[in-house]
PDB file of all heavy atoms in Angstrom:
ATOM      1  N   TYR A   1     -13.307   1.322   6.201  1.00  0.00           N
ATOM      2  CA  TYR A   1     -12.662   2.494   5.619  1.00  0.00           C
ATOM      3  C   TYR A   1     -13.285   2.927   4.288  1.00  0.00           C
ATOM      4  O   TYR A   1     -13.441   4.102   4.029  1.00  0.00           O
ATOM      5  CB  TYR A   1     -11.143   2.279   5.472  1.00  0.00           C
ATOM      6  CG  TYR A   1     -10.481   2.210   6.815  1.00  0.00           C
ATOM      7  CD1 TYR A   1     -10.209   1.009   7.434  1.00  0.00           C
ATOM      8  CD2 TYR A   1     -10.142   3.383   7.502  1.00  0.00           C
ATOM      9  CE1 TYR A   1      -9.609   0.960   8.695  1.00  0.00           C
ATOM     10  CE2 TYR A   1      -9.557   3.347   8.764  1.00  0.00           C
ATOM     11  CZ  TYR A   1      -9.291   2.135   9.344  1.00  0.00           C
ATOM     12  OH  TYR A   1      -8.707   2.077  10.580  1.00  0.00           O
ATOM     13  N   ARG A   2     -13.673   1.967   3.455  1.00  0.00           N
ATOM     14  CA  ARG A   2     -14.258   2.301   2.158  1.00  0.00           C
ATOM     15  C   ARG A   2     -15.748   2.484   2.274  1.00  0.00           C
ATOM     16  O   ARG A   2     -16.295   3.518   1.876  1.00  0.00           O
ATOM     17  CB  ARG A   2     -13.933   1.193   1.157  1.00  0.00           C
ATOM     18  CG  ARG A   2     -14.518   1.397  -0.249  1.00  0.00           C
ATOM     19  CD  ARG A   2     -14.428   0.128  -1.071  1.00  0.00           C
ATOM     20  NE  ARG A   2     -15.150  -0.961  -0.407  1.00  0.00           N
ATOM     21  CZ  ARG A   2     -14.838  -2.250  -0.524  1.00  0.00           C
ATOM     22  NH1 ARG A   2     -13.830  -2.619  -1.303  1.00  0.00           N
ATOM     23  NH2 ARG A   2     -15.521  -3.169   0.091  1.00  0.00           N
ATOM     24  N   ASP A   3     -16.443   1.485   2.830  1.00  0.00           N
ATOM     25  CA  ASP A   3     -17.900   1.446   2.782  1.00  0.00           C
ATOM     26  C   ASP A   3     -18.591   2.357   3.807  1.00  0.00           C
ATOM     27  O   ASP A   3     -19.693   2.850   3.561  1.00  0.00           O
ATOM     28  CB  ASP A   3     -18.406   0.024   2.951  1.00  0.00           C
ATOM     29  CG  ASP A   3     -17.830  -0.915   1.899  1.00  0.00           C
ATOM     30  OD1 ASP A   3     -17.374  -0.420   0.842  1.00  0.00           O
ATOM     31  OD2 ASP A   3     -17.814  -2.138   2.129  1.00  0.00           O
ATOM     32  N   ILE A   4     -17.976   2.564   4.966  1.00  0.00           N
ATOM     33  CA  ILE A   4     -18.607   3.409   6.002  1.00  0.00           C
ATOM     34  C   ILE A   4     -17.969   4.804   6.053  1.00  0.00           C
ATOM     35  O   ILE A   4     -18.669   5.813   6.090  1.00  0.00           O
ATOM     36  CB  ILE A   4     -18.558   2.728   7.385  1.00  0.00           C
ATOM     37  CG1 ILE A   4     -19.331   1.403   7.356  1.00  0.00           C
ATOM     38  CG2 ILE A   4     -19.101   3.661   8.472  1.00  0.00           C
ATOM     39  CD1 ILE A   4     -19.198   0.583   8.625  1.00  0.00           C
ATOM     40  N   LEU A   5     -16.644   4.877   6.075  1.00  0.00           N
ATOM     41  CA  LEU A   5     -15.977   6.170   6.179  1.00  0.00           C
ATOM     42  C   LEU A   5     -15.771   6.866   4.840  1.00  0.00           C
ATOM     43  O   LEU A   5     -15.408   8.033   4.799  1.00  0.00           O
ATOM     44  CB  LEU A   5     -14.620   5.986   6.893  1.00  0.00           C
ATOM     45  CG  LEU A   5     -14.720   5.431   8.313  1.00  0.00           C
ATOM     46  CD1 LEU A   5     -13.334   5.274   8.916  1.00  0.00           C
ATOM     47  CD2 LEU A   5     -15.573   6.337   9.188  1.00  0.00           C
ATOM     48  N   GLY A   6     -16.017   6.166   3.739  1.00  0.00           N
ATOM     49  CA  GLY A   6     -16.048   6.808   2.420  1.00  0.00           C
ATOM     50  C   GLY A   6     -14.717   7.012   1.706  1.00  0.00           C
ATOM     51  O   GLY A   6     -14.635   7.794   0.757  1.00  0.00           O
ATOM     52  N   PHE A   7     -13.680   6.301   2.131  1.00  0.00           N
ATOM     53  CA  PHE A   7     -12.388   6.411   1.423  1.00  0.00           C
ATOM     54  C   PHE A   7     -12.499   5.746   0.071  1.00  0.00           C
ATOM     55  O   PHE A   7     -13.207   4.752  -0.084  1.00  0.00           O
ATOM     56  CB  PHE A   7     -11.275   5.766   2.248  1.00  0.00           C
ATOM     57  CG  PHE A   7     -10.745   6.624   3.337  1.00  0.00           C
ATOM     58  CD1 PHE A   7     -11.429   6.746   4.537  1.00  0.00           C
ATOM     59  CD2 PHE A   7      -9.554   7.316   3.202  1.00  0.00           C
ATOM     60  CE1 PHE A   7     -10.952   7.536   5.560  1.00  0.00           C
ATOM     61  CE2 PHE A   7      -9.057   8.117   4.220  1.00  0.00           C
ATOM     62  CZ  PHE A   7      -9.768   8.220   5.399  1.00  0.00           C
ATOM     63  N   ASN A   8     -11.777   6.265  -0.905  1.00  0.00           N
ATOM     64  CA  ASN A   8     -11.719   5.689  -2.244  1.00  0.00           C
ATOM     65  C   ASN A   8     -10.518   4.803  -2.402  1.00  0.00           C
ATOM     66  O   ASN A   8      -9.415   5.174  -2.020  1.00  0.00           O
ATOM     67  CB  ASN A   8     -11.676   6.793  -3.289  1.00  0.00           C
ATOM     68  CG  ASN A   8     -12.895   7.679  -3.259  1.00  0.00           C
ATOM     69  OD1 ASN A   8     -14.017   7.195  -3.244  1.00  0.00           O
ATOM     70  ND2 ASN A   8     -12.682   8.980  -3.229  1.00  0.00           N
ATOM     71  N   VAL A   9     -10.717   3.642  -3.003  1.00  0.00           N
ATOM     72  CA  VAL A   9      -9.614   2.734  -3.296  1.00  0.00           C
ATOM     73  C   VAL A   9      -8.896   3.286  -4.510  1.00  0.00           C
ATOM     74  O   VAL A   9      -9.507   3.500  -5.557  1.00  0.00           O
ATOM     75  CB  VAL A   9     -10.119   1.286  -3.565  1.00  0.00           C
ATOM     76  CG1 VAL A   9      -8.980   0.400  -4.022  1.00  0.00           C
ATOM     77  CG2 VAL A   9     -10.784   0.716  -2.327  1.00  0.00           C
ATOM     78  N   ILE A  10      -7.569   3.514  -4.370  1.00  0.00           N
ATOM     79  CA  ILE A  10      -6.811   4.039  -5.510  1.00  0.00           C
ATOM     80  C   ILE A  10      -5.841   3.022  -6.076  1.00  0.00           C
ATOM     81  O   ILE A  10      -5.384   3.162  -7.191  1.00  0.00           O
ATOM     82  CB  ILE A  10      -6.072   5.352  -5.172  1.00  0.00           C
ATOM     83  CG1 ILE A  10      -5.128   5.169  -4.002  1.00  0.00           C
ATOM     84  CG2 ILE A  10      -7.087   6.467  -4.914  1.00  0.00           C
ATOM     85  CD1 ILE A  10      -4.233   6.365  -3.772  1.00  0.00           C
ATOM     86  N   GLU A  11      -5.529   1.966  -5.290  1.00  0.00           N
ATOM     87  CA  GLU A  11      -4.672   0.906  -5.814  1.00  0.00           C
ATOM     88  C   GLU A  11      -4.779  -0.327  -4.899  1.00  0.00           C
ATOM     89  O   GLU A  11      -4.854  -0.167  -3.690  1.00  0.00           O
ATOM     90  CB  GLU A  11      -3.208   1.363  -5.869  1.00  0.00           C
ATOM     91  CG  GLU A  11      -2.255   0.338  -6.436  1.00  0.00           C
ATOM     92  CD  GLU A  11      -0.811   0.803  -6.463  1.00  0.00           C
ATOM     93  OE1 GLU A  11      -0.559   2.004  -6.300  1.00  0.00           O
ATOM     94  OE2 GLU A  11       0.047  -0.076  -6.670  1.00  0.00           O
ATOM     95  N   THR A  12      -4.787  -1.491  -5.510  1.00  0.00           N
ATOM     96  CA  THR A  12      -4.719  -2.755  -4.765  1.00  0.00           C
ATOM     97  C   THR A  12      -3.681  -3.631  -5.454  1.00  0.00           C
ATOM     98  O   THR A  12      -3.500  -3.570  -6.661  1.00  0.00           O
ATOM     99  CB  THR A  12      -6.062  -3.501  -4.714  1.00  0.00           C
ATOM    100  OG1 THR A  12      -6.472  -3.803  -6.029  1.00  0.00           O
ATOM    101  CG2 THR A  12      -7.115  -2.704  -3.979  1.00  0.00           C
ATOM    102  N   LYS A  13      -3.012  -4.439  -4.644  1.00  0.00           N
ATOM    103  CA  LYS A  13      -2.043  -5.359  -5.223  1.00  0.00           C
ATOM    104  C   LYS A  13      -1.697  -6.436  -4.165  1.00  0.00           C
ATOM    105  O   LYS A  13      -1.956  -6.243  -2.965  1.00  0.00           O
ATOM    106  CB  LYS A  13      -0.774  -4.663  -5.693  1.00  0.00           C
ATOM    107  CG  LYS A  13      -0.048  -3.899  -4.580  1.00  0.00           C
ATOM    108  CD  LYS A  13       1.106  -3.095  -5.169  1.00  0.00           C
ATOM    109  CE  LYS A  13       1.744  -2.179  -4.133  1.00  0.00           C
ATOM    110  NZ  LYS A  13       2.757  -1.313  -4.750  1.00  0.00           N
ATOM    111  N   THR A  14      -1.147  -7.512  -4.644  1.00  0.00           N
ATOM    112  CA  THR A  14      -0.616  -8.567  -3.790  1.00  0.00           C
ATOM    113  C   THR A  14       0.831  -8.765  -4.183  1.00  0.00           C
ATOM    114  O   THR A  14       1.124  -8.866  -5.368  1.00  0.00           O
ATOM    115  CB  THR A  14      -1.392  -9.876  -3.956  1.00  0.00           C
ATOM    116  OG1 THR A  14      -2.777  -9.660  -3.628  1.00  0.00           O
ATOM    117  CG2 THR A  14      -0.835 -10.971  -3.064  1.00  0.00           C
ATOM    118  N   ILE A  15       1.712  -8.782  -3.199  1.00  0.00           N
ATOM    119  CA  ILE A  15       3.118  -8.992  -3.497  1.00  0.00           C
ATOM    120  C   ILE A  15       3.684 -10.115  -2.638  1.00  0.00           C
ATOM    121  O   ILE A  15       3.193 -10.398  -1.556  1.00  0.00           O
ATOM    122  CB  ILE A  15       3.973  -7.707  -3.312  1.00  0.00           C
ATOM    123  CG1 ILE A  15       3.925  -7.194  -1.862  1.00  0.00           C
ATOM    124  CG2 ILE A  15       3.569  -6.640  -4.289  1.00  0.00           C
ATOM    125  CD1 ILE A  15       4.863  -6.035  -1.618  1.00  0.00           C
ATOM    126  N   GLN A  16       4.678 -10.775  -3.192  1.00  0.00           N
ATOM    127  CA  GLN A  16       5.414 -11.803  -2.482  1.00  0.00           C
ATOM    128  C   GLN A  16       6.861 -11.666  -2.950  1.00  0.00           C
ATOM    129  O   GLN A  16       7.175 -12.001  -4.086  1.00  0.00           O
ATOM    130  CB  GLN A  16       4.884 -13.209  -2.797  1.00  0.00           C
ATOM    131  CG  GLN A  16       5.571 -14.285  -1.999  1.00  0.00           C
ATOM    132  CD  GLN A  16       4.904 -15.651  -2.215  1.00  0.00           C
ATOM    133  OE1 GLN A  16       4.028 -15.828  -3.026  1.00  0.00           O
ATOM    134  NE2 GLN A  16       5.365 -16.599  -1.412  1.00  0.00           N
ATOM    135  N   SER A  17       7.682 -11.075  -2.083  1.00  0.00           N
ATOM    136  CA  SER A  17       9.071 -10.834  -2.483  1.00  0.00           C
ATOM    137  C   SER A  17      10.000 -10.850  -1.285  1.00  0.00           C
ATOM    138  O   SER A  17       9.619 -10.507  -0.174  1.00  0.00           O
ATOM    139  CB  SER A  17       9.192  -9.491  -3.198  1.00  0.00           C
ATOM    140  OG  SER A  17       9.097  -8.428  -2.288  1.00  0.00           O
ATOM    141  N   THR A  18      11.210 -11.217  -1.554  1.00  0.00           N
ATOM    142  CA  THR A  18      12.264 -11.212  -0.520  1.00  0.00           C
ATOM    143  C   THR A  18      12.505  -9.779  -0.069  1.00  0.00           C
ATOM    144  O   THR A  18      12.723  -9.553   1.137  1.00  0.00           O
ATOM    145  CB  THR A  18      13.560 -11.822  -1.080  1.00  0.00           C
ATOM    146  OG1 THR A  18      13.273 -13.128  -1.534  1.00  0.00           O
ATOM    147  CG2 THR A  18      14.650 -11.871  -0.041  1.00  0.00           C
ATOM    148  N   ALA A  19      12.464  -8.817  -0.977  1.00  0.00           N
ATOM    149  CA  ALA A  19      12.698  -7.425  -0.591  1.00  0.00           C
ATOM    150  C   ALA A  19      11.664  -6.945   0.412  1.00  0.00           C
ATOM    151  O   ALA A  19      12.016  -6.300   1.411  1.00  0.00           O
ATOM    152  CB  ALA A  19      12.656  -6.537  -1.853  1.00  0.00           C
ATOM    153  N   PHE A  20      10.385  -7.285   0.198  1.00  0.00           N
ATOM    154  CA  PHE A  20       9.347  -6.889   1.162  1.00  0.00           C
ATOM    155  C   PHE A  20       9.575  -7.610   2.499  1.00  0.00           C
ATOM    156  O   PHE A  20       9.486  -6.998   3.553  1.00  0.00           O
ATOM    157  CB  PHE A  20       7.938  -7.226   0.632  1.00  0.00           C
ATOM    158  CG  PHE A  20       6.868  -6.878   1.658  1.00  0.00           C
ATOM    159  CD1 PHE A  20       6.423  -5.580   1.786  1.00  0.00           C
ATOM    160  CD2 PHE A  20       6.378  -7.850   2.504  1.00  0.00           C
ATOM    161  CE1 PHE A  20       5.464  -5.252   2.728  1.00  0.00           C
ATOM    162  CE2 PHE A  20       5.433  -7.525   3.461  1.00  0.00           C
ATOM    163  CZ  PHE A  20       4.968  -6.226   3.565  1.00  0.00           C
ATOM    164  N   ASN A  21       9.877  -8.878   2.425  1.00  0.00           N
ATOM    165  CA  ASN A  21      10.130  -9.639   3.667  1.00  0.00           C
ATOM    166  C   ASN A  21      11.262  -9.011   4.460  1.00  0.00           C
ATOM    167  O   ASN A  21      11.166  -8.867   5.682  1.00  0.00           O
ATOM    168  CB  ASN A  21      10.454 -11.089   3.361  1.00  0.00           C
ATOM    169  CG  ASN A  21       9.278 -11.857   2.812  1.00  0.00           C
ATOM    170  OD1 ASN A  21       8.186 -11.324   2.680  1.00  0.00           O
ATOM    171  ND2 ASN A  21       9.483 -13.100   2.469  1.00  0.00           N
ATOM    172  N   ASN A  22      12.331  -8.600   3.781  1.00  0.00           N
ATOM    173  CA  ASN A  22      13.449  -7.940   4.454  1.00  0.00           C
ATOM    174  C   ASN A  22      12.997  -6.615   5.075  1.00  0.00           C
ATOM    175  O   ASN A  22      13.393  -6.273   6.197  1.00  0.00           O
ATOM    176  CB  ASN A  22      14.619  -7.713   3.496  1.00  0.00           C
ATOM    177  CG  ASN A  22      15.278  -9.000   3.078  1.00  0.00           C
ATOM    178  OD1 ASN A  22      15.176 -10.028   3.757  1.00  0.00           O
ATOM    179  ND2 ASN A  22      15.962  -8.974   1.947  1.00  0.00           N
ATOM    180  N   LEU A  23      12.192  -5.864   4.349  1.00  0.00           N
ATOM    181  CA  LEU A  23      11.700  -4.583   4.848  1.00  0.00           C
ATOM    182  C   LEU A  23      10.857  -4.749   6.117  1.00  0.00           C
ATOM    183  O   LEU A  23      10.888  -3.937   7.012  1.00  0.00           O
ATOM    184  CB  LEU A  23      10.864  -3.900   3.757  1.00  0.00           C
ATOM    185  CG  LEU A  23      10.325  -2.517   4.054  1.00  0.00           C
ATOM    186  CD1 LEU A  23      11.445  -1.515   4.276  1.00  0.00           C
ATOM    187  CD2 LEU A  23       9.445  -2.057   2.903  1.00  0.00           C
ATOM    188  N   MET A  24      10.107  -5.848   6.197  1.00  0.00           N
ATOM    189  CA  MET A  24       9.238  -6.096   7.329  1.00  0.00           C
ATOM    190  C   MET A  24       9.886  -6.985   8.386  1.00  0.00           C
ATOM    191  O   MET A  24       9.270  -7.348   9.379  1.00  0.00           O
ATOM    192  CB  MET A  24       7.935  -6.764   6.880  1.00  0.00           C
ATOM    193  CG  MET A  24       7.070  -5.892   6.011  1.00  0.00           C
ATOM    194  SD  MET A  24       6.366  -4.516   6.925  1.00  0.00           S
ATOM    195  CE  MET A  24       7.168  -3.134   6.157  1.00  0.00           C
ATOM    196  N   ASN A  25      11.128  -7.382   8.132  1.00  0.00           N
ATOM    197  CA  ASN A  25      11.868  -8.261   9.059  1.00  0.00           C
ATOM    198  C   ASN A  25      11.152  -9.593   9.262  1.00  0.00           C
ATOM    199  O   ASN A  25      10.977 -10.084  10.377  1.00  0.00           O
ATOM    200  CB  ASN A  25      12.130  -7.549  10.397  1.00  0.00           C
ATOM    201  CG  ASN A  25      13.176  -8.252  11.209  1.00  0.00           C
ATOM    202  OD1 ASN A  25      14.046  -8.951  10.665  1.00  0.00           O
ATOM    203  ND2 ASN A  25      13.124  -8.094  12.521  1.00  0.00           N
ATOM    204  N   ILE A  26      10.679 -10.167   8.151  1.00  0.00           N
ATOM    205  CA  ILE A  26       9.959 -11.448   8.165  1.00  0.00           C
ATOM    206  C   ILE A  26      10.821 -12.470   7.464  1.00  0.00           C
ATOM    207  O   ILE A  26      11.266 -12.260   6.342  1.00  0.00           O
ATOM    208  CB  ILE A  26       8.582 -11.309   7.476  1.00  0.00           C
ATOM    209  CG1 ILE A  26       7.695 -10.376   8.279  1.00  0.00           C
ATOM    210  CG2 ILE A  26       7.921 -12.672   7.308  1.00  0.00           C
ATOM    211  CD1 ILE A  26       6.374 -10.065   7.626  1.00  0.00           C
ATOM    212  N   GLU A  27      11.044 -13.605   8.126  1.00  0.00           N
ATOM    213  CA  GLU A  27      11.909 -14.654   7.551  1.00  0.00           C
ATOM    214  C   GLU A  27      11.085 -15.813   7.041  1.00  0.00           C
ATOM    215  O   GLU A  27      11.460 -16.962   7.189  1.00  0.00           O
ATOM    216  CB  GLU A  27      12.911 -15.097   8.608  1.00  0.00           C
ATOM    217  CG  GLU A  27      13.873 -14.015   9.016  1.00  0.00           C
ATOM    218  CD  GLU A  27      14.834 -14.457  10.097  1.00  0.00           C
ATOM    219  OE1 GLU A  27      14.879 -15.666  10.417  1.00  0.00           O
ATOM    220  OE2 GLU A  27      15.552 -13.584  10.621  1.00  0.00           O
TER     221      GLU A  27
END
């Protein structure tokens, strides 16, 4: 997506949270 199709990265992050887990239905 970045190197061949030419999209620009506008934000990167790593998260670990109960709220995200709940949103994705991951226990």
